[in-house]
């Protein structure tokens, strides 16, 4: 059974960067969808990271968030830069319909 272990969240200031990790065990696919859910809001798709050249980013994170992967470590990453308070949410990775446990990202001065 596929298991996803997320890490990398934290409390940062506006303009800072974070790299979220999603380590995959029990599966070989690294085609990941990253979602986030802010308090009182619906979960929304942030990025789709499919193979090396197929990506989607929602408009609000374009040019700030970047997909990455390490095949040897079977880990996918979401590199986030120029973080804004509105990026505050719990971030989840999804691979093959399996979900990670989520990692909290808080952007606040």
N, C-alpha and C. Protein backbone atom coordinates (compact mmCIF):
# COMPACT_ATOMS: atom_id res chain seq x y z
N UNK A 1 0.85 -1.18 0.00
CA UNK A 1 0.00 0.00 0.00
C UNK A 1 0.89 1.23 0.00
N UNK A 2 0.47 2.20 -0.79
CA UNK A 2 1.24 3.44 -0.90
C UNK A 2 1.07 4.27 0.36
N UNK A 3 2.17 4.77 0.86
CA UNK A 3 2.14 5.69 2.01
C UNK A 3 2.94 6.93 1.66
N UNK A 4 2.40 8.06 2.06
CA UNK A 4 3.04 9.34 1.78
C UNK A 4 3.35 10.03 3.10
N UNK A 5 4.59 10.45 3.26
CA UNK A 5 5.00 11.13 4.49
C UNK A 5 5.46 12.54 4.14
N UNK A 6 4.73 13.51 4.62
CA UNK A 6 5.03 14.90 4.31
C UNK A 6 5.85 15.54 5.42
N UNK A 7 6.64 16.51 5.01
CA UNK A 7 7.41 17.29 5.97
C UNK A 7 7.80 18.61 5.33
N UNK A 8 8.34 19.49 6.14
CA UNK A 8 8.88 20.74 5.61
C UNK A 8 8.09 21.98 5.93
N UNK A 9 6.92 21.83 6.51
CA UNK A 9 6.14 23.00 6.84
C UNK A 9 6.74 23.75 8.01
N UNK A 10 6.16 24.91 8.32
CA UNK A 10 6.65 25.68 9.44
C UNK A 10 6.08 27.06 9.46
N UNK A 11 6.60 27.85 10.39
CA UNK A 11 6.21 29.26 10.53
C UNK A 11 7.32 30.12 9.94
N UNK A 12 6.94 30.90 8.95
CA UNK A 12 7.92 31.76 8.28
C UNK A 12 7.35 33.15 8.13
N UNK A 13 8.23 34.07 7.77
CA UNK A 13 7.81 35.46 7.54
C UNK A 13 7.50 35.67 6.07
N UNK A 14 6.69 36.65 5.76
CA UNK A 14 6.43 36.97 4.35
C UNK A 14 7.73 37.18 3.59
N UNK A 15 7.78 36.61 2.40
CA UNK A 15 8.97 36.71 1.59
C UNK A 15 9.94 35.54 1.75
N UNK A 16 9.76 34.74 2.78
CA UNK A 16 10.63 33.59 3.01
C UNK A 16 10.29 32.44 2.07
N UNK A 17 11.11 31.40 2.16
CA UNK A 17 10.93 30.22 1.33
C UNK A 17 10.81 28.97 2.21
N UNK A 18 10.15 27.98 1.67
CA UNK A 18 10.06 26.66 2.30
C UNK A 18 10.07 25.61 1.21
N UNK A 19 10.54 24.43 1.56
CA UNK A 19 10.45 23.30 0.64
C UNK A 19 9.70 22.19 1.34
N UNK A 20 8.56 21.85 0.78
CA UNK A 20 7.78 20.73 1.29
C UNK A 20 8.25 19.44 0.63
N UNK A 21 8.28 18.38 1.41
CA UNK A 21 8.68 17.07 0.91
C UNK A 21 7.54 16.09 1.08
N UNK A 22 7.45 15.18 0.16
CA UNK A 22 6.46 14.10 0.23
C UNK A 22 7.18 12.82 -0.15
N UNK A 23 7.55 12.03 0.86
CA UNK A 23 8.27 10.79 0.63
C UNK A 23 7.30 9.66 0.37
N UNK A 24 7.56 8.92 -0.70
CA UNK A 24 6.65 7.86 -1.14
C UNK A 24 7.21 6.50 -0.78
N UNK A 25 6.40 5.66 -0.17
CA UNK A 25 6.78 4.27 0.07
C UNK A 25 5.64 3.37 -0.41
N UNK A 26 6.02 2.19 -0.90
CA UNK A 26 5.02 1.24 -1.36
C UNK A 26 4.49 1.51 -2.75
N UNK A 27 5.09 2.45 -3.44
CA UNK A 27 4.65 2.77 -4.79
C UNK A 27 5.79 3.37 -5.58
N UNK A 28 5.60 3.44 -6.90
CA UNK A 28 6.68 3.93 -7.74
C UNK A 28 6.35 5.26 -8.43
N UNK A 29 5.11 5.64 -8.43
CA UNK A 29 4.75 6.88 -9.11
C UNK A 29 5.17 8.07 -8.28
N UNK A 30 5.70 9.06 -8.98
CA UNK A 30 6.01 10.34 -8.35
C UNK A 30 5.21 11.47 -8.98
N UNK A 31 4.15 11.10 -9.68
CA UNK A 31 3.27 12.11 -10.26
C UNK A 31 2.34 12.61 -9.16
N UNK A 32 2.59 13.82 -8.72
CA UNK A 32 1.95 14.31 -7.52
C UNK A 32 1.07 15.53 -7.78
N UNK A 33 0.03 15.61 -6.99
CA UNK A 33 -0.79 16.80 -6.92
C UNK A 33 -0.64 17.36 -5.51
N UNK A 34 -0.39 18.65 -5.43
CA UNK A 34 -0.30 19.33 -4.15
C UNK A 34 -1.57 20.16 -3.94
N UNK A 35 -2.16 19.99 -2.77
CA UNK A 35 -3.35 20.74 -2.39
C UNK A 35 -3.06 21.52 -1.12
N UNK A 36 -3.91 22.46 -0.84
CA UNK A 36 -3.83 23.15 0.45
C UNK A 36 -5.24 23.48 0.93
N UNK A 37 -5.35 23.58 2.24
CA UNK A 37 -6.63 23.92 2.83
C UNK A 37 -6.40 24.91 3.95
N UNK A 38 -6.95 26.09 3.78
CA UNK A 38 -6.88 27.12 4.80
C UNK A 38 -8.08 27.00 5.72
N UNK A 39 -7.98 27.51 6.92
CA UNK A 39 -9.11 27.42 7.86
C UNK A 39 -10.38 28.02 7.27
N UNK A 40 -11.45 27.26 7.33
CA UNK A 40 -12.73 27.74 6.85
C UNK A 40 -12.89 27.73 5.34
N UNK A 41 -11.91 27.20 4.64
CA UNK A 41 -11.98 27.19 3.18
C UNK A 41 -11.90 25.77 2.66
N UNK A 42 -12.31 25.62 1.41
CA UNK A 42 -12.23 24.31 0.77
C UNK A 42 -10.80 23.99 0.36
N UNK A 43 -10.52 22.71 0.29
CA UNK A 43 -9.21 22.29 -0.20
C UNK A 43 -9.10 22.69 -1.66
N UNK A 44 -7.95 23.22 -2.04
CA UNK A 44 -7.75 23.66 -3.42
C UNK A 44 -6.45 23.10 -3.98
N UNK A 45 -6.47 22.88 -5.27
CA UNK A 45 -5.29 22.38 -5.97
C UNK A 45 -4.29 23.51 -6.14
N UNK A 46 -3.08 23.27 -5.73
CA UNK A 46 -2.02 24.26 -5.83
C UNK A 46 -1.14 23.98 -7.04
N UNK A 47 -0.75 22.73 -7.19
CA UNK A 47 0.16 22.38 -8.28
C UNK A 47 -0.03 20.93 -8.66
N UNK A 48 0.14 20.67 -9.93
CA UNK A 48 0.18 19.30 -10.43
C UNK A 48 1.55 19.08 -11.03
N UNK A 49 2.23 18.07 -10.55
CA UNK A 49 3.61 17.82 -10.96
C UNK A 49 3.65 16.44 -11.60
N UNK A 50 3.51 16.43 -12.93
CA UNK A 50 3.37 15.19 -13.68
C UNK A 50 4.58 15.03 -14.58
N UNK A 51 5.37 13.99 -14.33
CA UNK A 51 6.61 13.78 -15.08
C UNK A 51 7.47 15.03 -14.94
N UNK A 52 8.41 15.18 -15.84
CA UNK A 52 9.35 16.29 -15.70
C UNK A 52 8.92 17.54 -16.44
N UNK A 53 7.99 17.39 -17.35
CA UNK A 53 7.68 18.54 -18.17
C UNK A 53 6.19 18.85 -18.23
N UNK A 54 5.43 18.25 -17.39
CA UNK A 54 4.01 18.55 -17.36
C UNK A 54 3.69 19.06 -15.96
N UNK A 55 3.43 20.34 -15.87
CA UNK A 55 3.13 20.94 -14.58
C UNK A 55 1.98 21.91 -14.72
N UNK A 56 1.30 22.10 -13.61
CA UNK A 56 0.24 23.09 -13.52
C UNK A 56 0.40 23.79 -12.20
N UNK A 57 0.24 25.10 -12.20
CA UNK A 57 0.24 25.87 -10.98
C UNK A 57 -0.97 26.80 -11.00
N UNK A 58 -1.62 26.90 -9.85
CA UNK A 58 -2.72 27.86 -9.82
C UNK A 58 -2.14 29.25 -9.95
N UNK A 59 -2.93 30.17 -10.47
CA UNK A 59 -2.43 31.49 -10.80
C UNK A 59 -1.75 32.18 -9.63
N UNK A 60 -2.29 32.01 -8.45
CA UNK A 60 -1.77 32.75 -7.30
C UNK A 60 -0.38 32.31 -6.85
N UNK A 61 0.08 31.15 -7.36
CA UNK A 61 1.41 30.67 -6.94
C UNK A 61 2.38 30.57 -8.11
N UNK A 62 1.90 30.88 -9.31
CA UNK A 62 2.80 30.81 -10.47
C UNK A 62 4.00 31.71 -10.25
N UNK A 63 5.14 31.24 -10.67
CA UNK A 63 6.42 31.96 -10.55
C UNK A 63 6.93 32.02 -9.13
N UNK A 64 6.21 31.41 -8.19
CA UNK A 64 6.69 31.36 -6.80
C UNK A 64 6.88 29.93 -6.33
N UNK A 65 6.06 29.01 -6.83
CA UNK A 65 6.14 27.60 -6.42
C UNK A 65 6.68 26.78 -7.58
N UNK A 66 7.45 25.75 -7.26
CA UNK A 66 8.06 24.92 -8.28
C UNK A 66 8.04 23.45 -7.86
N UNK A 67 7.66 22.60 -8.80
CA UNK A 67 7.69 21.16 -8.57
C UNK A 67 9.12 20.65 -8.71
N UNK A 68 9.42 19.61 -7.96
CA UNK A 68 10.70 18.93 -8.10
C UNK A 68 10.55 17.50 -7.62
N UNK A 69 11.48 16.66 -7.99
CA UNK A 69 11.43 15.27 -7.54
C UNK A 69 12.83 14.71 -7.47
N UNK A 70 12.98 13.72 -6.63
CA UNK A 70 14.23 12.96 -6.54
C UNK A 70 13.85 11.50 -6.70
N UNK A 71 14.09 10.96 -7.88
CA UNK A 71 13.69 9.58 -8.16
C UNK A 71 14.39 8.59 -7.24
N UNK A 72 15.65 8.85 -6.95
CA UNK A 72 16.41 7.91 -6.10
C UNK A 72 15.84 7.85 -4.70
N UNK A 73 15.31 8.97 -4.22
CA UNK A 73 14.75 9.02 -2.87
C UNK A 73 13.24 8.81 -2.89
N UNK A 74 12.67 8.59 -4.06
CA UNK A 74 11.21 8.49 -4.25
C UNK A 74 10.51 9.57 -3.43
N UNK A 75 10.93 10.78 -3.68
CA UNK A 75 10.39 11.93 -2.95
C UNK A 75 10.06 13.03 -3.93
N UNK A 76 8.93 13.66 -3.71
CA UNK A 76 8.56 14.83 -4.50
C UNK A 76 8.60 16.04 -3.59
N UNK A 77 8.83 17.17 -4.19
CA UNK A 77 8.98 18.40 -3.44
C UNK A 77 8.11 19.50 -4.03
N UNK A 78 7.76 20.41 -3.18
CA UNK A 78 7.14 21.64 -3.63
C UNK A 78 7.98 22.78 -3.05
N UNK A 79 8.75 23.41 -3.92
CA UNK A 79 9.59 24.53 -3.51
C UNK A 79 8.75 25.79 -3.55
N UNK A 80 8.67 26.46 -2.42
CA UNK A 80 7.83 27.65 -2.31
C UNK A 80 8.69 28.84 -1.95
N UNK A 81 8.58 29.91 -2.71
CA UNK A 81 9.35 31.11 -2.43
C UNK A 81 8.43 32.32 -2.40
N UNK A 82 8.97 33.42 -1.92
CA UNK A 82 8.20 34.67 -1.81
C UNK A 82 6.84 34.42 -1.16
N UNK A 83 6.88 33.71 -0.06
CA UNK A 83 5.63 33.31 0.59
C UNK A 83 4.85 34.51 1.10
N UNK A 84 3.54 34.37 1.03
CA UNK A 84 2.63 35.44 1.44
C UNK A 84 1.71 34.92 2.55
N UNK A 85 1.16 35.82 3.34
CA UNK A 85 0.23 35.37 4.38
C UNK A 85 -0.92 34.53 3.83
N UNK A 86 -1.36 34.83 2.63
CA UNK A 86 -2.46 34.06 2.04
C UNK A 86 -2.06 32.66 1.62
N UNK A 87 -0.78 32.34 1.72
CA UNK A 87 -0.34 30.96 1.47
C UNK A 87 -0.49 30.09 2.72
N UNK A 88 -0.87 30.69 3.81
CA UNK A 88 -1.05 29.94 5.05
C UNK A 88 -2.14 28.89 4.89
N UNK A 89 -1.79 27.65 5.17
CA UNK A 89 -2.72 26.53 5.00
C UNK A 89 -2.03 25.24 5.42
N UNK A 90 -2.80 24.18 5.47
CA UNK A 90 -2.24 22.84 5.56
C UNK A 90 -2.06 22.34 4.14
N UNK A 91 -0.87 21.88 3.83
CA UNK A 91 -0.55 21.43 2.49
C UNK A 91 -0.52 19.90 2.47
N UNK A 92 -1.11 19.35 1.42
CA UNK A 92 -1.21 17.91 1.27
C UNK A 92 -0.66 17.50 -0.10
N UNK A 93 0.02 16.37 -0.13
CA UNK A 93 0.37 15.78 -1.42
C UNK A 93 -0.58 14.61 -1.67
N UNK A 94 -0.82 14.39 -2.93
CA UNK A 94 -1.70 13.32 -3.38
C UNK A 94 -1.04 12.61 -4.55
N UNK A 95 -0.87 11.31 -4.40
CA UNK A 95 -0.30 10.49 -5.47
C UNK A 95 -1.17 9.26 -5.61
N UNK A 96 -1.63 9.03 -6.83
CA UNK A 96 -2.47 7.85 -7.11
C UNK A 96 -3.63 7.74 -6.13
N UNK A 97 -4.23 8.87 -5.81
CA UNK A 97 -5.40 8.94 -4.93
C UNK A 97 -5.08 8.67 -3.47
N UNK A 98 -3.80 8.55 -3.13
CA UNK A 98 -3.40 8.44 -1.73
C UNK A 98 -3.01 9.84 -1.24
N UNK A 99 -3.28 10.08 0.05
CA UNK A 99 -3.01 11.38 0.63
C UNK A 99 -1.94 11.32 1.71
N UNK A 100 -1.13 12.36 1.74
CA UNK A 100 -0.25 12.53 2.87
C UNK A 100 -1.02 13.06 4.06
N UNK A 101 -0.34 13.15 5.20
CA UNK A 101 -1.01 13.57 6.43
C UNK A 101 -1.17 15.08 6.51
N UNK A 102 -0.49 15.79 5.66
CA UNK A 102 -0.56 17.24 5.66
C UNK A 102 0.56 17.85 6.49
N UNK A 103 0.96 19.03 6.08
CA UNK A 103 1.98 19.78 6.82
C UNK A 103 1.55 21.25 6.87
N UNK A 104 1.65 21.84 8.04
CA UNK A 104 1.16 23.19 8.24
C UNK A 104 2.20 24.21 7.76
N UNK A 105 1.74 25.14 6.95
CA UNK A 105 2.55 26.28 6.54
C UNK A 105 1.87 27.53 7.06
N UNK A 106 2.59 28.31 7.84
CA UNK A 106 2.06 29.56 8.38
C UNK A 106 3.00 30.68 7.99
N UNK A 107 2.45 31.68 7.31
CA UNK A 107 3.24 32.83 6.88
C UNK A 107 2.71 34.04 7.62
N UNK A 108 3.55 34.57 8.49
CA UNK A 108 3.11 35.68 9.35
C UNK A 108 4.30 36.48 9.81
N UNK A 109 4.08 37.78 9.92
CA UNK A 109 5.13 38.64 10.44
C UNK A 109 4.96 38.83 11.94
